[in-house]
Amino acid sequence: MSFERSPKMRVLATTSIIGTGDSLVNFLSWANVQGIGLSNAVYDDILLYQDDMQSGQWSKAGMPLSGRTINARGSAACSYLMWSGHIGIRAPFVPTLTTVTVKTRNGNTHKKTVRAGLKKAKRSQRERIGLPRETWVDDWLSQIERRRGKSKMLACRLIVDVGPRIAEACGASVECWPSTEEIQEARQYGDRHVDMVLEFTKGNAPRTVLVDVEFADIVRNWIDSERPKLVDAYVRRTEQPPPEGLFLSDAAGFEGTPISKSRLYECFRLVVPGYAGRWYPHKGRHYFTCMYLLKRVQSSALLHGKSVAEMPADWVRSQVASHWDTASELLGHSNPATTRIYARWIVTIHQGYDASESWSAQFDEEGDA
């Protein structure tokens, strides 16, 4: 088992590097608290680390972490210890491996060698009930504004309305937001959206996304009226240069501090009224994609004088496929297999097909879609 987490010669994206670094810091902090020296750590220590995350003993909120998070952090810890042994700063570290049988989506099976002690990543039926309704998301955003402030609400709305990854939302600069003139021009020509260029993206390739004109105007007014006050407070308090990030905290004592991924994660942990499923930034990204595709399928159905529920399932799938290229560009991701998941979601909610066991679970299985 190689300690390398990606193919040779592949350059990791900045967001991937940051994520791996966060996992490693988490493990090093745990090892320090446990009094475990990295020079003599063994695989049983990794299993203990994973158990502590599963029980909630090593969790910021004191709640059990998901199997996916636990496994990813455990793998990062193993990779670090294996690398340490590889360069000679400790004895070789060898994880315990086991062979499991994996069932593919087409029903075939194959053997796979994995780390021993991986936690189950499969979710319960309660966690597979799909996406929240639009009105529920609106209520959730209102709740964030009341409890966490307007700035965090706008950052969360960016994810569910525009679809960037959480790191892209936090890394957006104020210069990337559409100007007043651009918003007015879009209105003048009857456009419902205005272009916005994300500079900080996965893979470091700038990407153009679409921002609803009304939302663009709300954020632009906030940038011009409220954000300068937060910048001034930050400079006075820290004696540091003005922050370039778009969304700055308006919490007392932290005015002007760039909003971090951890703070947005906390916002997504707030209960979405009426919704019993798991809600987190990447699910918000799927929500954006589904709403984007659904509205276009609905418009196409109206041209036939019908609702989506009245159209054949094959027609719905073909419509989703026809809009997927644009959606994938907005997401900064292109995976043809993902098209089937979104098509199945639309068919399910409008035509009652029992597909919840497949499309809902597949949302997360597709990785960073």
Protein backbone atom coordinates (compact mmCIF):
# COMPACT_ATOMS: atom_id res chain seq x y z
CA MET A 1 0.00 0.00 0.00
CA SER A 2 1.61 3.23 -1.14
CA PHE A 3 1.48 6.34 1.00
CA GLU A 4 0.73 8.39 -2.10
CA ARG A 5 -2.93 9.41 -2.20
CA SER A 6 -2.94 10.41 -5.88
CA PRO A 7 -1.31 9.12 -9.09
CA LYS A 8 2.31 10.08 -9.64
CA MET A 9 2.93 13.36 -11.46
CA ARG A 10 -0.58 14.60 -10.64
CA VAL A 11 -0.64 18.08 -9.10
CA LEU A 12 -3.23 18.34 -6.34
CA ALA A 13 -5.61 21.28 -6.36
CA THR A 14 -5.16 23.90 -3.64
CA THR A 15 -8.45 22.94 -2.00
CA SER A 16 -7.38 19.27 -1.87
CA ILE A 17 -4.07 20.20 -0.27
CA ILE A 18 -5.87 22.34 2.31
CA GLY A 19 -8.30 19.52 3.08
CA THR A 20 -5.48 17.02 3.57
CA GLY A 21 -3.66 19.51 5.76
CA ASP A 22 -6.75 20.02 7.91
CA SER A 23 -7.05 16.24 8.39
CA LEU A 24 -3.39 15.95 9.33
CA VAL A 25 -3.62 18.79 11.86
CA ASN A 26 -6.62 17.05 13.40
CA PHE A 27 -4.67 13.80 13.81
CA LEU A 28 -1.55 15.53 15.17
CA SER A 29 -3.68 17.38 17.73
CA TRP A 30 -5.30 14.11 18.81
CA ALA A 31 -1.93 12.35 19.09
CA ASN A 32 -0.59 15.20 21.21
CA VAL A 33 -3.57 15.04 23.59
CA GLN A 34 -3.18 11.25 23.85
CA GLY A 35 0.55 11.53 24.47
CA ILE A 36 1.35 9.34 21.46
CA GLY A 37 4.74 9.97 19.91
CA LEU A 38 4.74 9.95 16.13
CA SER A 39 8.01 8.04 16.07
CA ASN A 40 6.41 5.01 17.73
CA ALA A 41 2.74 5.29 16.68
CA VAL A 42 1.29 2.00 15.45
CA TYR A 43 -1.79 1.07 13.45
CA ASP A 44 -3.77 0.33 16.60
CA ASP A 45 -3.40 4.05 17.41
CA ILE A 46 -5.07 4.88 14.10
CA LEU A 47 -7.96 2.60 15.02
CA LEU A 48 -8.26 4.30 18.41
CA TYR A 49 -8.23 7.69 16.68
CA GLN A 50 -11.06 6.55 14.43
CA ASP A 51 -13.04 5.15 17.37
CA ASP A 52 -12.76 8.47 19.22
CA MET A 53 -14.19 10.29 16.19
CA GLN A 54 -17.00 7.77 15.86
CA SER A 55 -17.98 8.07 19.52
CA GLY A 56 -17.83 11.87 19.46
CA GLN A 57 -14.98 12.02 21.98
CA TRP A 58 -12.79 13.66 19.31
CA SER A 59 -15.32 15.98 17.71
CA LYS A 60 -15.67 19.73 18.12
CA ALA A 61 -19.42 19.45 18.68
CA GLY A 62 -19.16 16.26 20.72
CA MET A 63 -21.20 14.43 18.10
CA PRO A 64 -20.20 11.27 16.19
CA LEU A 65 -18.57 12.02 12.85
CA SER A 66 -19.60 10.34 9.61
CA GLY A 67 -17.83 7.25 8.35
CA ARG A 68 -16.57 9.15 5.32
CA THR A 69 -14.92 11.83 7.44
CA ILE A 70 -13.42 9.27 9.82
CA ASN A 71 -12.00 7.13 7.03
CA ALA A 72 -10.54 10.13 5.20
CA ARG A 73 -8.81 11.42 8.34
CA GLY A 74 -7.53 7.96 9.21
CA SER A 75 -6.09 7.55 5.72
CA ALA A 76 -4.41 10.96 5.90
CA ALA A 77 -2.82 9.96 9.22
CA CYS A 78 -1.58 6.67 7.74
CA SER A 79 -0.17 8.43 4.69
CA TYR A 80 1.74 10.85 6.91
CA LEU A 81 3.21 8.09 9.09
CA MET A 82 4.13 6.03 6.01
CA TRP A 83 5.80 9.08 4.46
CA SER A 84 7.68 9.69 7.72
CA GLY A 85 9.02 6.15 7.56
CA HIS A 86 9.83 6.54 3.87
CA ILE A 87 12.10 9.54 4.47
CA GLY A 88 13.71 7.93 7.52
CA ILE A 89 12.46 10.05 10.42
CA ARG A 90 10.79 7.02 12.01
CA ALA A 91 10.62 3.26 11.56
CA PRO A 92 8.53 2.03 8.61
CA PHE A 93 4.81 2.28 9.28
CA VAL A 94 2.67 -0.49 7.79
CA PRO A 95 -1.14 -0.30 8.01
CA THR A 96 -3.09 -3.50 8.51
CA LEU A 97 -4.88 -4.45 5.30
CA THR A 98 -7.86 -6.65 4.58
CA THR A 99 -9.68 -7.89 1.50
CA VAL A 100 -13.34 -7.05 1.00
CA THR A 101 -15.91 -7.85 -1.67
CA VAL A 102 -17.25 -4.75 -3.42
CA LYS A 103 -20.53 -4.71 -5.32
CA THR A 104 -20.72 -2.33 -8.27
CA ARG A 105 -23.82 -0.50 -9.43
CA ASN A 106 -24.40 -2.96 -12.26
CA GLY A 107 -24.53 -5.86 -9.79
CA ASN A 108 -21.04 -7.26 -10.40
CA THR A 109 -18.60 -7.91 -7.56
CA HIS A 110 -14.85 -7.73 -7.23
CA LYS A 111 -12.22 -8.05 -4.51
CA LYS A 112 -10.54 -4.97 -3.13
CA THR A 113 -7.72 -4.48 -0.63
CA VAL A 114 -8.44 -1.76 1.93
CA ARG A 115 -7.31 -0.63 5.35
CA ALA A 116 -8.63 -2.76 8.19
CA GLY A 117 -11.09 -1.05 10.51
CA LEU A 118 -12.75 1.29 8.04
CA LYS A 119 -16.02 2.70 9.34
CA LYS A 120 -19.28 2.15 7.52
CA ALA A 121 -20.08 5.12 5.31
CA LYS A 122 -23.57 3.98 4.40
CA ARG A 123 -26.31 6.27 5.66
CA SER A 124 -29.61 5.32 7.23
CA GLN A 125 -32.95 5.58 5.44
CA ARG A 126 -33.66 8.77 7.39
CA GLU A 127 -30.59 10.33 5.82
CA ARG A 128 -31.65 9.33 2.31
CA ILE A 129 -34.82 11.32 1.95
CA GLY A 130 -33.55 13.79 -0.61
CA LEU A 131 -33.33 17.55 -0.72
CA PRO A 132 -35.25 20.25 1.15
CA ARG A 133 -37.96 22.30 -0.52
CA GLU A 134 -37.21 25.84 -1.68
CA THR A 135 -39.40 27.35 1.05
CA TRP A 136 -37.49 25.35 3.67
CA VAL A 137 -34.19 26.66 2.38
CA ASP A 138 -35.55 30.22 2.46
CA ASP A 139 -36.56 29.72 6.11
CA TRP A 140 -33.11 28.28 6.87
CA LEU A 141 -31.40 31.34 5.34
CA SER A 142 -33.62 33.65 7.40
CA GLN A 143 -32.64 31.68 10.49
CA ILE A 144 -28.94 32.10 9.68
CA GLU A 145 -29.35 35.86 9.30
CA ARG A 146 -31.09 36.10 12.69
CA ARG A 147 -28.65 33.89 14.56
CA ARG A 148 -25.33 34.25 12.69
CA GLY A 149 -25.61 37.56 10.87
CA LYS A 150 -26.27 38.82 7.36
CA SER A 151 -22.77 38.18 6.04
CA LYS A 152 -22.84 34.43 6.78
CA MET A 153 -26.35 34.23 5.36
CA LEU A 154 -25.14 35.76 2.08
CA ALA A 155 -22.22 33.33 1.92
CA CYS A 156 -24.55 30.36 2.48
CA ARG A 157 -26.99 31.69 -0.09
CA LEU A 158 -24.15 31.91 -2.60
CA ILE A 159 -23.64 28.14 -2.26
CA VAL A 160 -27.32 27.19 -2.70
CA ASP A 161 -28.06 29.85 -5.34
CA VAL A 162 -24.87 29.76 -7.42
CA GLY A 163 -23.29 26.38 -6.63
CA PRO A 164 -19.64 27.04 -5.70
CA ARG A 165 -17.76 24.67 -3.43
CA ILE A 166 -17.44 25.86 0.16
CA ALA A 167 -13.73 26.65 -0.34
CA GLU A 168 -14.60 28.65 -3.45
CA ALA A 169 -17.24 30.62 -1.57
CA CYS A 170 -14.81 31.43 1.25
CA GLY A 171 -12.00 32.19 -1.21
CA ALA A 172 -14.01 34.56 -3.40
CA SER A 173 -12.63 38.11 -3.53
CA VAL A 174 -14.68 41.28 -3.42
CA GLU A 175 -13.42 42.20 -6.90
CA CYS A 176 -15.08 39.15 -8.45
CA TRP A 177 -18.61 40.30 -7.59
CA PRO A 178 -20.57 41.95 -10.44
CA SER A 179 -20.43 45.74 -10.44
CA THR A 180 -23.46 48.00 -10.21
CA GLU A 181 -23.07 48.79 -13.90
CA GLU A 182 -23.00 45.09 -14.87
CA ILE A 183 -26.12 44.39 -12.82
CA GLN A 184 -27.94 47.36 -14.33
CA GLU A 185 -26.93 46.28 -17.84
CA ALA A 186 -28.28 42.77 -17.21
CA ARG A 187 -31.59 44.27 -16.07
CA GLN A 188 -31.68 46.59 -19.08
CA TYR A 189 -31.47 43.64 -21.47
CA GLY A 190 -33.95 41.57 -19.51
CA ASP A 191 -31.37 39.01 -18.33
CA ARG A 192 -32.24 37.05 -15.21
CA HIS A 193 -28.59 36.42 -14.38
CA VAL A 194 -25.29 38.25 -14.42
CA ASP A 195 -21.87 36.66 -14.91
CA MET A 196 -19.40 36.31 -12.04
CA VAL A 197 -15.87 34.92 -12.37
CA LEU A 198 -14.56 32.74 -9.55
CA GLU A 199 -10.77 33.00 -9.40
CA PHE A 200 -10.11 30.67 -6.44
CA THR A 201 -11.36 27.30 -7.66
CA LYS A 202 -10.54 23.61 -7.48
CA GLY A 203 -7.74 23.13 -10.00
CA ASN A 204 -7.04 26.90 -9.93
CA ALA A 205 -8.87 27.44 -13.24
CA PRO A 206 -11.09 30.57 -13.20
CA ARG A 207 -14.74 29.69 -13.79
CA THR A 208 -17.72 31.81 -14.81
CA VAL A 209 -20.92 31.25 -12.84
CA LEU A 210 -24.38 32.80 -13.07
CA VAL A 211 -25.76 34.97 -10.27
CA ASP A 212 -29.44 35.87 -10.09
CA VAL A 213 -29.76 39.60 -10.73
CA GLU A 214 -31.76 40.21 -7.55
CA PHE A 215 -29.24 38.36 -5.40
CA ALA A 216 -26.37 40.12 -7.17
CA ASP A 217 -27.97 43.46 -6.31
CA ILE A 218 -28.44 42.49 -2.64
CA VAL A 219 -24.78 41.54 -2.25
CA ARG A 220 -23.59 44.58 -4.21
CA ASN A 221 -25.53 46.88 -1.86
CA TRP A 222 -24.01 45.04 1.12
CA ILE A 223 -20.52 45.43 -0.40
CA ASP A 224 -20.97 49.14 -0.92
CA SER A 225 -22.74 50.00 2.35
CA GLU A 226 -21.93 47.48 5.10
CA ARG A 227 -18.69 45.78 4.12
CA PRO A 228 -16.54 48.98 4.37
CA LYS A 229 -17.51 49.32 8.04
CA LEU A 230 -16.39 45.75 8.71
CA VAL A 231 -13.09 46.39 6.93
CA ASP A 232 -12.46 49.53 8.99
CA ALA A 233 -13.20 47.67 12.24
CA TYR A 234 -10.84 44.85 11.22
CA VAL A 235 -7.96 47.22 10.36
CA ARG A 236 -8.38 49.15 13.63
CA ARG A 237 -8.55 45.98 15.72
CA THR A 238 -5.76 43.98 14.09
CA GLU A 239 -3.58 46.70 12.50
CA GLN A 240 -3.45 44.38 9.47
CA PRO A 241 -4.05 45.29 5.80
CA PRO A 242 -7.69 45.32 4.64
CA PRO A 243 -8.94 41.78 3.90
CA GLU A 244 -9.60 40.97 0.24
CA GLY A 245 -12.17 38.22 0.87
CA LEU A 246 -15.73 38.89 -0.24
CA PHE A 247 -17.60 37.75 2.87
CA LEU A 248 -16.41 39.19 6.19
CA SER A 249 -17.75 38.39 9.63
CA ASP A 250 -20.10 40.85 11.30
CA ALA A 251 -20.00 39.03 14.67
CA ALA A 252 -19.16 41.24 17.65
CA GLY A 253 -15.41 41.24 18.29
CA PHE A 254 -14.66 39.58 14.94
CA GLU A 255 -15.82 42.29 12.55
CA GLY A 256 -14.05 42.07 9.20
CA THR A 257 -12.52 38.64 9.76
CA PRO A 258 -12.78 36.59 6.55
CA ILE A 259 -15.44 33.91 6.98
CA SER A 260 -13.85 30.45 7.16
CA LYS A 261 -15.07 27.07 5.96
CA SER A 262 -15.62 25.94 9.54
CA ARG A 263 -17.96 28.89 10.20
CA LEU A 264 -20.02 28.08 7.12
CA TYR A 265 -20.17 24.43 8.14
CA GLU A 266 -21.64 25.58 11.44
CA CYS A 267 -24.34 27.48 9.56
CA PHE A 268 -25.25 24.37 7.59
CA ARG A 269 -25.63 22.47 10.85
CA LEU A 270 -28.57 24.70 11.78
CA VAL A 271 -31.82 22.81 11.36
CA VAL A 272 -33.61 23.35 8.06
CA PRO A 273 -37.27 23.74 9.13
CA GLY A 274 -39.31 20.81 7.79
CA TYR A 275 -36.27 18.85 6.57
CA ALA A 276 -35.06 15.69 8.33
CA GLY A 277 -32.15 14.84 6.04
CA ARG A 278 -28.47 15.62 6.35
CA TRP A 279 -27.67 19.19 5.30
CA TYR A 280 -24.13 20.36 4.61
CA PRO A 281 -22.35 22.58 2.04
CA HIS A 282 -21.88 19.88 -0.60
CA LYS A 283 -25.58 18.94 -0.32
CA GLY A 284 -26.31 22.64 -0.88
CA ARG A 285 -24.31 22.37 -4.11
CA HIS A 286 -26.48 19.45 -5.21
CA TYR A 287 -29.54 21.50 -4.26
CA PHE A 288 -28.39 24.28 -6.60
CA THR A 289 -27.84 21.82 -9.45
CA CYS A 290 -31.22 20.18 -9.00
CA MET A 291 -33.03 23.53 -8.89
CA TYR A 292 -31.10 24.75 -11.94
CA LEU A 293 -32.01 21.69 -13.99
CA LEU A 294 -35.57 21.45 -12.66
CA LYS A 295 -36.45 25.01 -13.65
CA ARG A 296 -35.22 24.39 -17.18
CA VAL A 297 -37.11 21.13 -17.48
CA GLN A 298 -40.24 22.86 -16.17
CA SER A 299 -39.86 25.61 -18.78
CA SER A 300 -39.51 23.03 -21.55
CA ALA A 301 -42.61 21.17 -20.34
CA LEU A 302 -44.62 24.39 -20.35
CA LEU A 303 -43.83 24.82 -24.04
CA HIS A 304 -45.86 21.63 -24.50
CA GLY A 305 -48.61 22.98 -22.27
CA LYS A 306 -47.86 20.35 -19.63
CA SER A 307 -46.22 19.93 -16.24
CA VAL A 308 -43.14 17.78 -15.65
CA ALA A 309 -45.36 15.14 -14.04
CA GLU A 310 -47.29 14.79 -17.29
CA MET A 311 -44.19 14.24 -19.44
CA PRO A 312 -42.68 10.77 -20.07
CA ALA A 313 -39.71 9.82 -17.90
CA ASP A 314 -37.51 9.36 -20.99
CA TRP A 315 -38.33 12.92 -22.05
CA VAL A 316 -37.32 14.22 -18.62
CA ARG A 317 -34.02 12.36 -18.82
CA SER A 318 -33.28 13.73 -22.27
CA GLN A 319 -34.04 17.27 -21.10
CA VAL A 320 -31.69 16.93 -18.14
CA ALA A 321 -28.99 15.57 -20.44
CA SER A 322 -29.44 18.53 -22.81
CA HIS A 323 -28.87 21.04 -19.99
CA TRP A 324 -26.13 19.10 -18.22
CA ASP A 325 -23.20 20.54 -20.20
CA THR A 326 -24.04 24.05 -19.02
CA ALA A 327 -24.66 22.87 -15.46
CA SER A 328 -21.32 21.06 -15.35
CA GLU A 329 -19.54 24.22 -16.51
CA LEU A 330 -21.18 26.21 -13.72
CA LEU A 331 -20.15 23.54 -11.20
CA GLY A 332 -16.60 23.23 -12.49
CA HIS A 333 -17.12 19.50 -12.82
CA SER A 334 -18.06 17.17 -15.62
CA ASN A 335 -19.13 13.60 -15.00
CA PRO A 336 -21.63 12.13 -17.50
CA ALA A 337 -22.76 9.54 -14.94
CA THR A 338 -23.98 12.33 -12.68
CA THR A 339 -26.58 13.31 -15.27
CA ARG A 340 -28.52 10.12 -14.52
CA ILE A 341 -28.66 10.95 -10.82
CA TYR A 342 -30.23 14.38 -11.34
CA ALA A 343 -32.62 13.06 -13.98
CA ARG A 344 -33.74 10.34 -11.57
CA TRP A 345 -34.26 12.94 -8.85
CA ILE A 346 -36.56 15.02 -11.06
CA VAL A 347 -38.51 11.95 -12.20
CA THR A 348 -38.84 10.78 -8.59
CA ILE A 349 -40.28 13.95 -7.08
CA HIS A 350 -42.66 14.61 -9.97
CA GLN A 351 -43.71 11.15 -11.06
CA GLY A 352 -43.47 9.17 -7.86
CA TYR A 353 -40.88 6.63 -8.95
CA ASP A 354 -39.30 4.93 -5.94
CA ALA A 355 -35.71 5.86 -6.70
CA SER A 356 -34.77 7.22 -3.28
CA GLU A 357 -32.54 4.25 -2.50
CA SER A 358 -30.32 5.11 -5.44
CA TRP A 359 -30.23 8.74 -6.44
CA SER A 360 -30.13 10.23 -2.92
CA ALA A 361 -27.25 8.03 -1.80
CA GLN A 362 -25.40 8.60 -5.05
CA PHE A 363 -25.25 12.35 -4.50
CA ASP A 364 -22.38 11.88 -2.05
CA GLU A 365 -20.88 8.88 -3.82
CA GLU A 366 -20.12 11.06 -6.84
CA GLY A 367 -17.48 12.89 -4.82
CA ASP A 368 -17.07 16.62 -5.45
CA ALA A 369 -19.64 16.85 -8.19
